[in-house]
Amino acid sequence: MKRHKEMNIKDSAKEYLSLKSDAFKLGLVESISVIVNRLLSVFLLILVLLIALVFLATGATQWLGQLLDSTTAASLITGGFFLLLFIILFLLRKRLFTNTFVKLLVNIFFRETTDVLKEE
């Protein structure tokens, strides 16, 4: 009789571990799906932004070229503007990008934990 109970406890433990494993896998798949979705969304937004910037830079260069009567000077001014923008973004990269992405990943992977903590 005692042996029968041990089998049930072992079977229950195996089933419990199997269910926990499945729950972990489902959570991992969900987290990876959210990350891939957000990365694709950001990629598409950046792509559209880059296309818009190319057209804006071209238009600004042509407009400045007519204003200054020099296409070369207009190109240098437009290029200088984007170089300055790059330097500013590079200097602020940690604050703008790294911290933002770390917070995003923490929220995605640990949202269940943070939700539980907020409820308490």
C-alpha atoms as a PDB file:
ATOM      1  CA  MET A   1       0.000   0.000   0.000  1.00  0.00           C
ATOM      2  CA  LYS A   2       2.829   2.378   0.895  1.00  0.00           C
ATOM      3  CA  ARG A   3       4.532   1.620  -2.401  1.00  0.00           C
ATOM      4  CA  HIS A   4       1.364   2.651  -4.273  1.00  0.00           C
ATOM      5  CA  LYS A   5       1.364   6.104  -2.598  1.00  0.00           C
ATOM      6  CA  GLU A   6       5.011   6.638  -3.493  1.00  0.00           C
ATOM      7  CA  MET A   7       4.236   5.926  -7.124  1.00  0.00           C
ATOM      8  CA  ASN A   8       1.448   8.474  -7.056  1.00  0.00           C
ATOM      9  CA  ILE A   9       3.705  11.081  -5.470  1.00  0.00           C
ATOM     10  CA  LYS A  10       6.428  10.382  -8.025  1.00  0.00           C
ATOM     11  CA  ASP A  11       3.909  10.554 -10.870  1.00  0.00           C
ATOM     12  CA  SER A  12       2.476  13.759  -9.459  1.00  0.00           C
ATOM     13  CA  ALA A  13       5.939  15.282  -9.138  1.00  0.00           C
ATOM     14  CA  LYS A  14       6.802  14.318 -12.723  1.00  0.00           C
ATOM     15  CA  GLU A  15       3.527  15.763 -13.988  1.00  0.00           C
ATOM     16  CA  TYR A  16       4.077  18.944 -11.978  1.00  0.00           C
ATOM     17  CA  LEU A  17       7.596  19.368 -13.385  1.00  0.00           C
ATOM     18  CA  SER A  18       6.322  18.689 -16.881  1.00  0.00           C
ATOM     19  CA  LEU A  19       3.605  21.334 -16.496  1.00  0.00           C
ATOM     20  CA  LYS A  20       6.106  23.843 -15.077  1.00  0.00           C
ATOM     21  CA  SER A  21       8.424  23.128 -17.990  1.00  0.00           C
ATOM     22  CA  ASP A  22       5.605  23.668 -20.492  1.00  0.00           C
ATOM     23  CA  ALA A  23       4.589  26.903 -18.769  1.00  0.00           C
ATOM     24  CA  PHE A  24       8.188  28.145 -18.923  1.00  0.00           C
ATOM     25  CA  LYS A  25       8.445  27.271 -22.621  1.00  0.00           C
ATOM     26  CA  LEU A  26       5.170  29.062 -23.383  1.00  0.00           C
ATOM     27  CA  GLY A  27       6.325  32.122 -21.465  1.00  0.00           C
ATOM     28  CA  LEU A  28       9.625  32.093 -23.327  1.00  0.00           C
ATOM     29  CA  VAL A  29       7.897  31.786 -26.711  1.00  0.00           C
ATOM     30  CA  GLU A  30       5.582  34.667 -25.809  1.00  0.00           C
ATOM     31  CA  SER A  31       8.502  36.854 -24.713  1.00  0.00           C
ATOM     32  CA  ILE A  32      10.491  36.075 -27.852  1.00  0.00           C
ATOM     33  CA  SER A  33       7.433  36.824 -29.996  1.00  0.00           C
ATOM     34  CA  VAL A  34       6.976  40.198 -28.323  1.00  0.00           C
ATOM     35  CA  ILE A  35      10.666  41.037 -28.787  1.00  0.00           C
ATOM     36  CA  VAL A  36      10.668  40.039 -32.466  1.00  0.00           C
ATOM     37  CA  ASN A  37       7.450  41.994 -33.034  1.00  0.00           C
ATOM     38  CA  ARG A  38       8.900  45.119 -31.437  1.00  0.00           C
ATOM     39  CA  LEU A  39      12.200  44.778 -33.282  1.00  0.00           C
ATOM     40  CA  LEU A  40      10.406  44.449 -36.616  1.00  0.00           C
ATOM     41  CA  SER A  41       8.212  47.439 -35.789  1.00  0.00           C
ATOM     42  CA  VAL A  42      11.243  49.542 -34.863  1.00  0.00           C
ATOM     43  CA  PHE A  43      13.066  48.393 -38.005  1.00  0.00           C
ATOM     44  CA  LEU A  44      10.144  49.403 -40.230  1.00  0.00           C
ATOM     45  CA  LEU A  45       9.799  52.771 -38.491  1.00  0.00           C
ATOM     46  CA  ILE A  46      13.528  53.441 -38.895  1.00  0.00           C
ATOM     47  CA  LEU A  47      13.372  52.443 -42.556  1.00  0.00           C
ATOM     48  CA  VAL A  48      10.495  54.850 -43.239  1.00  0.00           C
ATOM     49  CA  LEU A  49      12.285  57.572 -41.255  1.00  0.00           C
ATOM     50  CA  LEU A  50      15.465  57.076 -43.283  1.00  0.00           C
ATOM     51  CA  ILE A  51      13.564  57.347 -46.556  1.00  0.00           C
ATOM     52  CA  ALA A  52      11.894  60.534 -45.324  1.00  0.00           C
ATOM     53  CA  LEU A  53      15.271  61.940 -44.235  1.00  0.00           C
ATOM     54  CA  VAL A  54      16.767  61.250 -47.661  1.00  0.00           C
ATOM     55  CA  PHE A  55      13.962  63.205 -49.331  1.00  0.00           C
ATOM     56  CA  LEU A  56      14.175  66.008 -46.755  1.00  0.00           C
ATOM     57  CA  ALA A  57      17.956  66.235 -47.130  1.00  0.00           C
ATOM     58  CA  THR A  58      17.672  66.308 -50.907  1.00  0.00           C
ATOM     59  CA  GLY A  59      15.023  69.019 -50.782  1.00  0.00           C
ATOM     60  CA  ALA A  60      16.978  71.046 -48.213  1.00  0.00           C
ATOM     61  CA  THR A  61      20.137  70.781 -50.308  1.00  0.00           C
ATOM     62  CA  GLN A  62      18.350  71.942 -53.448  1.00  0.00           C
ATOM     63  CA  TRP A  63      16.606  74.775 -51.604  1.00  0.00           C
ATOM     64  CA  LEU A  64      19.835  75.929 -49.938  1.00  0.00           C
ATOM     65  CA  GLY A  65      21.648  75.563 -53.267  1.00  0.00           C
ATOM     66  CA  GLN A  66      19.209  78.006 -54.881  1.00  0.00           C
ATOM     67  CA  LEU A  67      19.375  80.336 -51.879  1.00  0.00           C
ATOM     68  CA  LEU A  68      23.182  80.359 -51.689  1.00  0.00           C
ATOM     69  CA  ASP A  69      23.686  79.964 -55.423  1.00  0.00           C
ATOM     70  CA  SER A  70      26.062  77.081 -54.652  1.00  0.00           C
ATOM     71  CA  THR A  71      25.100  73.416 -54.646  1.00  0.00           C
ATOM     72  CA  THR A  72      28.430  72.502 -53.059  1.00  0.00           C
ATOM     73  CA  ALA A  73      27.930  74.823 -50.081  1.00  0.00           C
ATOM     74  CA  ALA A  74      24.358  73.568 -49.673  1.00  0.00           C
ATOM     75  CA  SER A  75      25.566  69.950 -49.675  1.00  0.00           C
ATOM     76  CA  LEU A  76      28.234  70.752 -47.081  1.00  0.00           C
ATOM     77  CA  ILE A  77      25.701  72.521 -44.840  1.00  0.00           C
ATOM     78  CA  THR A  78      23.213  69.656 -45.097  1.00  0.00           C
ATOM     79  CA  GLY A  79      25.963  67.087 -44.470  1.00  0.00           C
ATOM     80  CA  GLY A  80      27.228  69.124 -41.529  1.00  0.00           C
ATOM     81  CA  PHE A  81      23.728  69.197 -40.043  1.00  0.00           C
ATOM     82  CA  PHE A  82      23.466  65.400 -40.196  1.00  0.00           C
ATOM     83  CA  LEU A  83      27.004  65.016 -38.835  1.00  0.00           C
ATOM     84  CA  LEU A  84      26.095  67.258 -35.880  1.00  0.00           C
ATOM     85  CA  LEU A  85      22.890  65.261 -35.339  1.00  0.00           C
ATOM     86  CA  PHE A  86      24.925  62.036 -35.394  1.00  0.00           C
ATOM     87  CA  ILE A  87      27.418  63.377 -32.831  1.00  0.00           C
ATOM     88  CA  ILE A  88      24.591  64.425 -30.495  1.00  0.00           C
ATOM     89  CA  LEU A  89      22.903  61.016 -30.812  1.00  0.00           C
ATOM     90  CA  PHE A  90      26.231  59.263 -30.303  1.00  0.00           C
ATOM     91  CA  LEU A  91      26.922  61.203 -27.101  1.00  0.00           C
ATOM     92  CA  LEU A  92      23.407  60.495 -25.790  1.00  0.00           C
ATOM     93  CA  ARG A  93      23.317  56.873 -26.982  1.00  0.00           C
ATOM     94  CA  LYS A  94      23.455  55.316 -23.527  1.00  0.00           C
ATOM     95  CA  ARG A  95      20.611  57.415 -22.168  1.00  0.00           C
ATOM     96  CA  LEU A  96      18.503  57.192 -25.330  1.00  0.00           C
ATOM     97  CA  PHE A  97      19.041  53.623 -26.469  1.00  0.00           C
ATOM     98  CA  THR A  98      20.791  51.296 -24.020  1.00  0.00           C
ATOM     99  CA  ASN A  99      18.728  52.177 -20.951  1.00  0.00           C
ATOM    100  CA  THR A 100      15.521  52.161 -22.999  1.00  0.00           C
ATOM    101  CA  PHE A 101      16.201  48.701 -24.441  1.00  0.00           C
ATOM    102  CA  VAL A 102      17.235  47.273 -21.066  1.00  0.00           C
ATOM    103  CA  LYS A 103      13.999  48.552 -19.502  1.00  0.00           C
ATOM    104  CA  LEU A 104      12.008  47.153 -22.431  1.00  0.00           C
ATOM    105  CA  LEU A 105      13.564  43.692 -22.112  1.00  0.00           C
ATOM    106  CA  VAL A 106      13.155  43.660 -18.339  1.00  0.00           C
ATOM    107  CA  ASN A 107       9.478  44.593 -18.734  1.00  0.00           C
ATOM    108  CA  ILE A 108       8.929  41.882 -21.342  1.00  0.00           C
ATOM    109  CA  PHE A 109      10.675  39.045 -19.480  1.00  0.00           C
ATOM    110  CA  PHE A 110       9.657  39.958 -15.965  1.00  0.00           C
ATOM    111  CA  ARG A 111       6.237  41.558 -16.420  1.00  0.00           C
ATOM    112  CA  GLU A 112       4.535  38.762 -14.487  1.00  0.00           C
ATOM    113  CA  THR A 113       6.858  39.372 -11.539  1.00  0.00           C
ATOM    114  CA  THR A 114       6.397  43.141 -11.672  1.00  0.00           C
ATOM    115  CA  ASP A 115       2.609  42.753 -11.987  1.00  0.00           C
ATOM    116  CA  VAL A 116       2.579  40.574  -8.866  1.00  0.00           C
ATOM    117  CA  LEU A 117       4.732  43.090  -6.990  1.00  0.00           C
ATOM    118  CA  LYS A 118       2.448  45.974  -7.964  1.00  0.00           C
ATOM    119  CA  GLU A 119      -0.614  44.091  -6.695  1.00  0.00           C
ATOM    120  CA  GLU A 120       0.952  43.530  -3.278  1.00  0.00           C
END
